[in-house]
Every structure is written in structure tokens, then in C-alpha cells.
Amino acid sequence: MSTASPEKRRLFESPRSQRRLLLGASAFLVVAVATLLIVFMRNTRAENTKETFSDEPAQIFTQPKSVSVDAEARRVAGRFILTAVARKDLAKSYELAHPELRNGFTRAQWKTGNIPVVPFPASDLDFASFKVEYSVANEVVLKVLLVPAGTEVNPASFFIGLKRVGGKDGPWRVYYWAPNAKPAVPEQL
């Protein structure tokens, strides 16, 4: 004979109560199994890893010393902006582009203007300023501010990278040109 009250007996005999009890027990079981797995299975690889220590001093990364920017690098950057970026005299700009920037383009393909160089109406500039981002012996990256004459186009900032081709006395060529842009942030979310 059962000692449970008739209300409790009816509670466990209803299908809805049995389903709820089964779901609650299942959830408890899942949480219990996950907890056991986390407790006993975590950090098993650390026991197999042998730590090694050295008496050697730590290796510290240091930036290479900056060198002054060669005037010829600035001239090449300026000519590249006035030709490739402005899309004027693309044949000449092909010669100013480093093989990395040309990326397999032929001279004929380059002259079409469909090139990996972001265009800007640079043929009619009010002024352009260059700021050195970094410079090492055979590589220079400059931040360029282009301010067009008139008010129809806003000023824009770009990065231009130049490398020497063929060693320390080789000519400077542009290997990188990209806008210095920040992603647009929506006004309202």
C-alpha cells in the first residue's frame, strides 16, 4: 500500500507530469555528464607536454632602424600618383610599378586602366603631402594626403609602399597603394 497522498499519486500518474519529470531528469543528466567531462577530461595534453627552460637571454624583437628616405623614392611616388592613380599615361606608370603590384599584368592589360590601383583624380591637385610611416634600407612606406583643387572631391589619404628592384642601388618601384580608410560606422543601429 502506498503511503503517498492521493494528490501526489495523481500528480505522477498524469502524462503531462510524467513528460515534465522526464524532461527535467534528462536535462539534469546532460548537465551532470557535461560537468563530469569538463572536470575529468580538461587539460589532458598538459601532462604529456614537457616544458623546457633555457639559461639563454630572451629574444626581443626590435624594429629595424629607420633610414632617411631617398629623394628618388619620393619622386617615383609622385610620378606614380600622377600617372597610375590619376589614370594618365598608364604606359609610363607600368614602368613605375613593382612586379608585386603588377601581379602578372602585361603592359597591354595595364594600359586598359583595369589595374590593382585605387584611382583618384590626382591630375588636378591643390597639394599632396607625404609622411614617412617607416623606412628601411630598400623599402619605404609613406602616408599620402591628396587634396584636389576645387570642392567637388574630398581630400583622401593613402599608403604607398616602394621597394628597390635589383639590390641597394636599383630603382625604386611602387609595390603597394591602398586607401587609408576606416570602416563606415552606421549612425543608428
C-alpha atoms as a PDB file:
ATOM      1  CA  MET A   1       0.000   0.000   0.000  1.00  0.00           C
ATOM      2  CA  SER A   2       1.292   3.416  -0.911  1.00  0.00           C
ATOM      3  CA  THR A   3       1.866   5.996   1.773  1.00  0.00           C
ATOM      4  CA  ALA A   4       1.684   8.928  -0.697  1.00  0.00           C
ATOM      5  CA  SER A   5      -1.342  11.148  -0.552  1.00  0.00           C
ATOM      6  CA  PRO A   6      -3.925  10.792  -3.324  1.00  0.00           C
ATOM      7  CA  GLU A   7      -2.932  14.233  -4.748  1.00  0.00           C
ATOM      8  CA  LYS A   8       0.707  13.165  -5.161  1.00  0.00           C
ATOM      9  CA  ARG A   9      -0.334   9.853  -6.703  1.00  0.00           C
ATOM     10  CA  ARG A  10      -2.499  11.648  -9.275  1.00  0.00           C
ATOM     11  CA  LEU A  11       0.339  14.107  -9.968  1.00  0.00           C
ATOM     12  CA  PHE A  12       2.739  11.332 -11.061  1.00  0.00           C
ATOM     13  CA  GLU A  13       0.057   9.421 -12.928  1.00  0.00           C
ATOM     14  CA  SER A  14      -0.773  12.243 -15.362  1.00  0.00           C
ATOM     15  CA  PRO A  15       1.016  12.073 -18.741  1.00  0.00           C
ATOM     16  CA  ARG A  16       1.893  15.784 -18.617  1.00  0.00           C
ATOM     17  CA  SER A  17       3.592  15.384 -15.241  1.00  0.00           C
ATOM     18  CA  GLN A  18       5.462  12.317 -16.422  1.00  0.00           C
ATOM     19  CA  ARG A  19       6.750  14.199 -19.504  1.00  0.00           C
ATOM     20  CA  ARG A  20       7.865  17.121 -17.364  1.00  0.00           C
ATOM     21  CA  LEU A  21       9.611  14.786 -14.950  1.00  0.00           C
ATOM     22  CA  LEU A  22      11.318  13.002 -17.867  1.00  0.00           C
ATOM     23  CA  LEU A  23      12.473  16.306 -19.411  1.00  0.00           C
ATOM     24  CA  GLY A  24      13.760  17.598 -16.076  1.00  0.00           C
ATOM     25  CA  ALA A  25      15.651  14.359 -15.392  1.00  0.00           C
ATOM     26  CA  SER A  26      17.109  14.376 -18.923  1.00  0.00           C
ATOM     27  CA  ALA A  27      18.309  17.974 -18.555  1.00  0.00           C
ATOM     28  CA  PHE A  28      19.874  17.139 -15.203  1.00  0.00           C
ATOM     29  CA  LEU A  29      21.614  14.117 -16.745  1.00  0.00           C
ATOM     30  CA  VAL A  30      23.019  16.188 -19.626  1.00  0.00           C
ATOM     31  CA  VAL A  31      24.363  18.835 -17.242  1.00  0.00           C
ATOM     32  CA  ALA A  32      25.864  16.163 -14.981  1.00  0.00           C
ATOM     33  CA  VAL A  33      27.601  14.365 -17.875  1.00  0.00           C
ATOM     34  CA  ALA A  34      28.947  17.673 -19.273  1.00  0.00           C
ATOM     35  CA  THR A  35      30.255  18.650 -15.843  1.00  0.00           C
ATOM     36  CA  LEU A  36      31.999  15.301 -15.409  1.00  0.00           C
ATOM     37  CA  LEU A  37      33.565  15.537 -18.854  1.00  0.00           C
ATOM     38  CA  ILE A  38      34.852  19.023 -18.176  1.00  0.00           C
ATOM     39  CA  VAL A  39      36.270  18.084 -14.785  1.00  0.00           C
ATOM     40  CA  PHE A  40      37.988  14.873 -15.821  1.00  0.00           C
ATOM     41  CA  MET A  41      38.890  15.477 -19.456  1.00  0.00           C
ATOM     42  CA  ARG A  42      40.275  19.015 -19.374  1.00  0.00           C
ATOM     43  CA  ASN A  43      43.973  19.721 -19.645  1.00  0.00           C
ATOM     44  CA  THR A  44      44.907  16.177 -20.637  1.00  0.00           C
ATOM     45  CA  ARG A  45      47.545  17.366 -23.089  1.00  0.00           C
ATOM     46  CA  ALA A  46      49.474  19.358 -20.481  1.00  0.00           C
ATOM     47  CA  GLU A  47      50.573  16.179 -18.751  1.00  0.00           C
ATOM     48  CA  ASN A  48      52.195  14.962 -21.986  1.00  0.00           C
ATOM     49  CA  THR A  49      53.963  18.242 -22.737  1.00  0.00           C
ATOM     50  CA  LYS A  50      57.442  18.569 -21.396  1.00  0.00           C
ATOM     51  CA  GLU A  51      58.488  22.076 -20.518  1.00  0.00           C
ATOM     52  CA  THR A  52      61.981  23.163 -21.406  1.00  0.00           C
ATOM     53  CA  PHE A  53      63.778  26.130 -19.976  1.00  0.00           C
ATOM     54  CA  SER A  54      66.948  27.822 -21.097  1.00  0.00           C
ATOM     55  CA  ASP A  55      69.579  29.979 -19.488  1.00  0.00           C
ATOM     56  CA  GLU A  56      69.902  31.955 -22.752  1.00  0.00           C
ATOM     57  CA  PRO A  57      68.663  35.552 -22.725  1.00  0.00           C
ATOM     58  CA  ALA A  58      65.209  36.123 -24.188  1.00  0.00           C
ATOM     59  CA  GLN A  59      64.997  37.069 -27.848  1.00  0.00           C
ATOM     60  CA  ILE A  60      63.466  40.503 -28.185  1.00  0.00           C
ATOM     61  CA  PHE A  61      62.108  41.748 -31.486  1.00  0.00           C
ATOM     62  CA  THR A  62      63.320  45.199 -32.388  1.00  0.00           C
ATOM     63  CA  GLN A  63      62.203  47.310 -35.289  1.00  0.00           C
ATOM     64  CA  PRO A  64      64.914  47.901 -37.858  1.00  0.00           C
ATOM     65  CA  LYS A  65      66.433  51.344 -37.635  1.00  0.00           C
ATOM     66  CA  SER A  66      64.768  53.884 -39.854  1.00  0.00           C
ATOM     67  CA  VAL A  67      66.858  55.426 -42.557  1.00  0.00           C
ATOM     68  CA  SER A  68      66.253  58.701 -44.311  1.00  0.00           C
ATOM     69  CA  VAL A  69      64.011  58.427 -47.344  1.00  0.00           C
ATOM     70  CA  ASP A  70      65.793  58.654 -50.650  1.00  0.00           C
ATOM     71  CA  ALA A  71      64.617  61.670 -52.662  1.00  0.00           C
ATOM     72  CA  GLU A  72      64.270  59.423 -55.709  1.00  0.00           C
ATOM     73  CA  ALA A  73      61.720  57.277 -53.825  1.00  0.00           C
ATOM     74  CA  ARG A  74      59.567  60.375 -53.239  1.00  0.00           C
ATOM     75  CA  ARG A  75      59.868  61.346 -56.916  1.00  0.00           C
ATOM     76  CA  VAL A  76      58.797  57.862 -58.033  1.00  0.00           C
ATOM     77  CA  ALA A  77      55.853  58.001 -55.622  1.00  0.00           C
ATOM     78  CA  GLY A  78      54.804  61.374 -57.042  1.00  0.00           C
ATOM     79  CA  ARG A  79      55.088  60.220 -60.664  1.00  0.00           C
ATOM     80  CA  PHE A  80      53.127  57.057 -59.832  1.00  0.00           C
ATOM     81  CA  ILE A  81      50.317  59.123 -58.309  1.00  0.00           C
ATOM     82  CA  LEU A  82      50.196  61.438 -61.328  1.00  0.00           C
ATOM     83  CA  THR A  83      50.135  58.506 -63.791  1.00  0.00           C
ATOM     84  CA  ALA A  84      48.629  55.294 -62.383  1.00  0.00           C
ATOM     85  CA  VAL A  85      46.419  56.791 -59.671  1.00  0.00           C
ATOM     86  CA  ALA A  86      45.201  59.616 -61.922  1.00  0.00           C
ATOM     87  CA  ARG A  87      44.857  57.133 -64.820  1.00  0.00           C
ATOM     88  CA  LYS A  88      47.020  59.338 -67.062  1.00  0.00           C
ATOM     89  CA  ASP A  89      49.888  57.878 -69.120  1.00  0.00           C
ATOM     90  CA  LEU A  90      49.385  54.303 -67.905  1.00  0.00           C
ATOM     91  CA  ALA A  91      52.252  53.070 -70.092  1.00  0.00           C
ATOM     92  CA  LYS A  92      54.667  55.155 -68.017  1.00  0.00           C
ATOM     93  CA  SER A  93      53.069  54.005 -64.772  1.00  0.00           C
ATOM     94  CA  TYR A  94      53.694  50.373 -65.749  1.00  0.00           C
ATOM     95  CA  GLU A  95      57.415  51.053 -65.515  1.00  0.00           C
ATOM     96  CA  LEU A  96      56.985  52.597 -62.045  1.00  0.00           C
ATOM     97  CA  ALA A  97      55.089  49.581 -60.678  1.00  0.00           C
ATOM     98  CA  HIS A  98      56.986  46.845 -58.839  1.00  0.00           C
ATOM     99  CA  PRO A  99      56.427  43.276 -60.122  1.00  0.00           C
ATOM    100  CA  GLU A 100      54.483  42.547 -56.905  1.00  0.00           C
ATOM    101  CA  LEU A 101      51.947  45.239 -57.806  1.00  0.00           C
ATOM    102  CA  ARG A 102      51.799  44.295 -61.476  1.00  0.00           C
ATOM    103  CA  ASN A 103      50.945  40.746 -60.381  1.00  0.00           C
ATOM    104  CA  GLY A 104      51.326  39.256 -63.843  1.00  0.00           C
ATOM    105  CA  PHE A 105      49.664  42.107 -65.762  1.00  0.00           C
ATOM    106  CA  THR A 106      51.101  42.669 -69.203  1.00  0.00           C
ATOM    107  CA  ARG A 107      51.773  46.192 -70.409  1.00  0.00           C
ATOM    108  CA  ALA A 108      48.727  45.943 -72.710  1.00  0.00           C
ATOM    109  CA  GLN A 109      46.492  44.854 -69.818  1.00  0.00           C
ATOM    110  CA  TRP A 110      47.887  47.618 -67.611  1.00  0.00           C
ATOM    111  CA  LYS A 111      47.157  50.256 -70.260  1.00  0.00           C
ATOM    112  CA  THR A 112      43.443  49.396 -70.135  1.00  0.00           C
ATOM    113  CA  GLY A 113      43.255  51.046 -66.702  1.00  0.00           C
ATOM    114  CA  ASN A 114      41.729  47.974 -65.065  1.00  0.00           C
ATOM    115  CA  ILE A 115      44.637  47.689 -62.630  1.00  0.00           C
ATOM    116  CA  PRO A 116      45.086  46.949 -58.888  1.00  0.00           C
ATOM    117  CA  VAL A 117      45.488  50.650 -58.075  1.00  0.00           C
ATOM    118  CA  VAL A 118      42.682  52.607 -56.422  1.00  0.00           C
ATOM    119  CA  PRO A 119      42.055  55.630 -58.660  1.00  0.00           C
ATOM    120  CA  PHE A 120      41.856  59.232 -57.507  1.00  0.00           C
ATOM    121  CA  PRO A 121      41.540  62.436 -59.575  1.00  0.00           C
ATOM    122  CA  ALA A 122      45.152  63.358 -58.900  1.00  0.00           C
ATOM    123  CA  SER A 123      45.851  65.174 -62.155  1.00  0.00           C
ATOM    124  CA  ASP A 124      44.465  68.418 -60.719  1.00  0.00           C
ATOM    125  CA  LEU A 125      45.855  68.532 -57.164  1.00  0.00           C
ATOM    126  CA  ASP A 126      45.967  71.558 -54.932  1.00  0.00           C
ATOM    127  CA  PHE A 127      48.727  69.833 -52.958  1.00  0.00           C
ATOM    128  CA  ALA A 128      49.992  66.454 -51.803  1.00  0.00           C
ATOM    129  CA  SER A 129      51.871  65.743 -48.597  1.00  0.00           C
ATOM    130  CA  PHE A 130      53.970  62.725 -47.703  1.00  0.00           C
ATOM    131  CA  LYS A 131      54.604  61.410 -44.198  1.00  0.00           C
ATOM    132  CA  VAL A 132      57.035  58.566 -43.585  1.00  0.00           C
ATOM    133  CA  GLU A 133      55.363  55.565 -41.933  1.00  0.00           C
ATOM    134  CA  TYR A 134      58.572  53.542 -41.946  1.00  0.00           C
ATOM    135  CA  SER A 135      61.743  53.335 -43.960  1.00  0.00           C
ATOM    136  CA  VAL A 136      64.495  50.760 -44.101  1.00  0.00           C
ATOM    137  CA  ALA A 137      67.373  50.325 -46.490  1.00  0.00           C
ATOM    138  CA  ASN A 138      65.408  49.028 -49.510  1.00  0.00           C
ATOM    139  CA  GLU A 139      61.796  49.687 -48.559  1.00  0.00           C
ATOM    140  CA  VAL A 140      59.700  52.754 -47.722  1.00  0.00           C
ATOM    141  CA  VAL A 141      56.038  53.208 -46.815  1.00  0.00           C
ATOM    142  CA  LEU A 142      54.612  56.704 -46.996  1.00  0.00           C
ATOM    143  CA  LYS A 143      51.256  58.075 -45.937  1.00  0.00           C
ATOM    144  CA  VAL A 144      49.990  60.408 -48.649  1.00  0.00           C
ATOM    145  CA  LEU A 145      47.363  63.115 -48.308  1.00  0.00           C
ATOM    146  CA  LEU A 146      45.935  64.203 -51.647  1.00  0.00           C
ATOM    147  CA  VAL A 147      43.949  67.439 -51.755  1.00  0.00           C
ATOM    148  CA  PRO A 148      42.356  68.069 -55.145  1.00  0.00           C
ATOM    149  CA  ALA A 149      41.772  71.577 -56.454  1.00  0.00           C
ATOM    150  CA  GLY A 150      38.139  72.649 -56.258  1.00  0.00           C
ATOM    151  CA  THR A 151      35.486  71.388 -53.880  1.00  0.00           C
ATOM    152  CA  GLU A 152      33.840  68.527 -55.809  1.00  0.00           C
ATOM    153  CA  VAL A 153      36.153  65.816 -54.462  1.00  0.00           C
ATOM    154  CA  ASN A 154      37.127  65.473 -50.813  1.00  0.00           C
ATOM    155  CA  PRO A 155      40.766  65.073 -49.788  1.00  0.00           C
ATOM    156  CA  ALA A 156      41.870  61.493 -49.333  1.00  0.00           C
ATOM    157  CA  SER A 157      44.648  59.677 -47.518  1.00  0.00           C
ATOM    158  CA  PHE A 158      46.531  56.693 -48.965  1.00  0.00           C
ATOM    159  CA  PHE A 159      49.507  54.472 -48.184  1.00  0.00           C
ATOM    160  CA  ILE A 160      52.134  53.976 -50.844  1.00  0.00           C
ATOM    161  CA  GLY A 161      54.929  51.420 -50.495  1.00  0.00           C
ATOM    162  CA  LEU A 162      58.118  51.435 -52.534  1.00  0.00           C
ATOM    163  CA  LYS A 163      60.902  48.874 -52.845  1.00  0.00           C
ATOM    164  CA  ARG A 164      64.156  48.852 -54.701  1.00  0.00           C
ATOM    165  CA  VAL A 165      64.373  46.408 -57.588  1.00  0.00           C
ATOM    166  CA  GLY A 166      67.679  44.638 -58.049  1.00  0.00           C
ATOM    167  CA  GLY A 167      69.510  45.470 -54.847  1.00  0.00           C
ATOM    168  CA  LYS A 168      70.598  48.513 -52.898  1.00  0.00           C
ATOM    169  CA  ASP A 169      71.333  50.647 -55.969  1.00  0.00           C
ATOM    170  CA  GLY A 170      68.329  49.516 -58.023  1.00  0.00           C
ATOM    171  CA  PRO A 171      65.476  51.802 -58.994  1.00  0.00           C
ATOM    172  CA  TRP A 172      62.541  52.430 -56.668  1.00  0.00           C
ATOM    173  CA  ARG A 173      59.241  50.865 -57.708  1.00  0.00           C
ATOM    174  CA  VAL A 174      55.761  51.038 -56.150  1.00  0.00           C
ATOM    175  CA  TYR A 175      54.623  47.716 -54.696  1.00  0.00           C
ATOM    176  CA  TYR A 176      51.647  48.923 -52.637  1.00  0.00           C
ATOM    177  CA  TRP A 177      48.877  51.507 -52.984  1.00  0.00           C
ATOM    178  CA  ALA A 178      45.798  51.487 -50.765  1.00  0.00           C
ATOM    179  CA  PRO A 179      43.440  53.984 -49.176  1.00  0.00           C
ATOM    180  CA  ASN A 180      43.890  54.830 -45.536  1.00  0.00           C
ATOM    181  CA  ALA A 181      40.235  54.265 -44.753  1.00  0.00           C
ATOM    182  CA  LYS A 182      38.326  53.319 -41.664  1.00  0.00           C
ATOM    183  CA  PRO A 183      35.192  51.211 -41.980  1.00  0.00           C
ATOM    184  CA  ALA A 184      31.953  53.155 -42.026  1.00  0.00           C
ATOM    185  CA  VAL A 185      30.012  53.069 -38.790  1.00  0.00           C
ATOM    186  CA  PRO A 186      26.232  53.211 -39.099  1.00  0.00           C
ATOM    187  CA  GLU A 187      24.624  56.203 -37.441  1.00  0.00           C
ATOM    188  CA  GLN A 188      21.802  54.184 -35.929  1.00  0.00           C
ATOM    189  CA  LEU A 189      21.692  50.548 -35.020  1.00  0.00           C
END
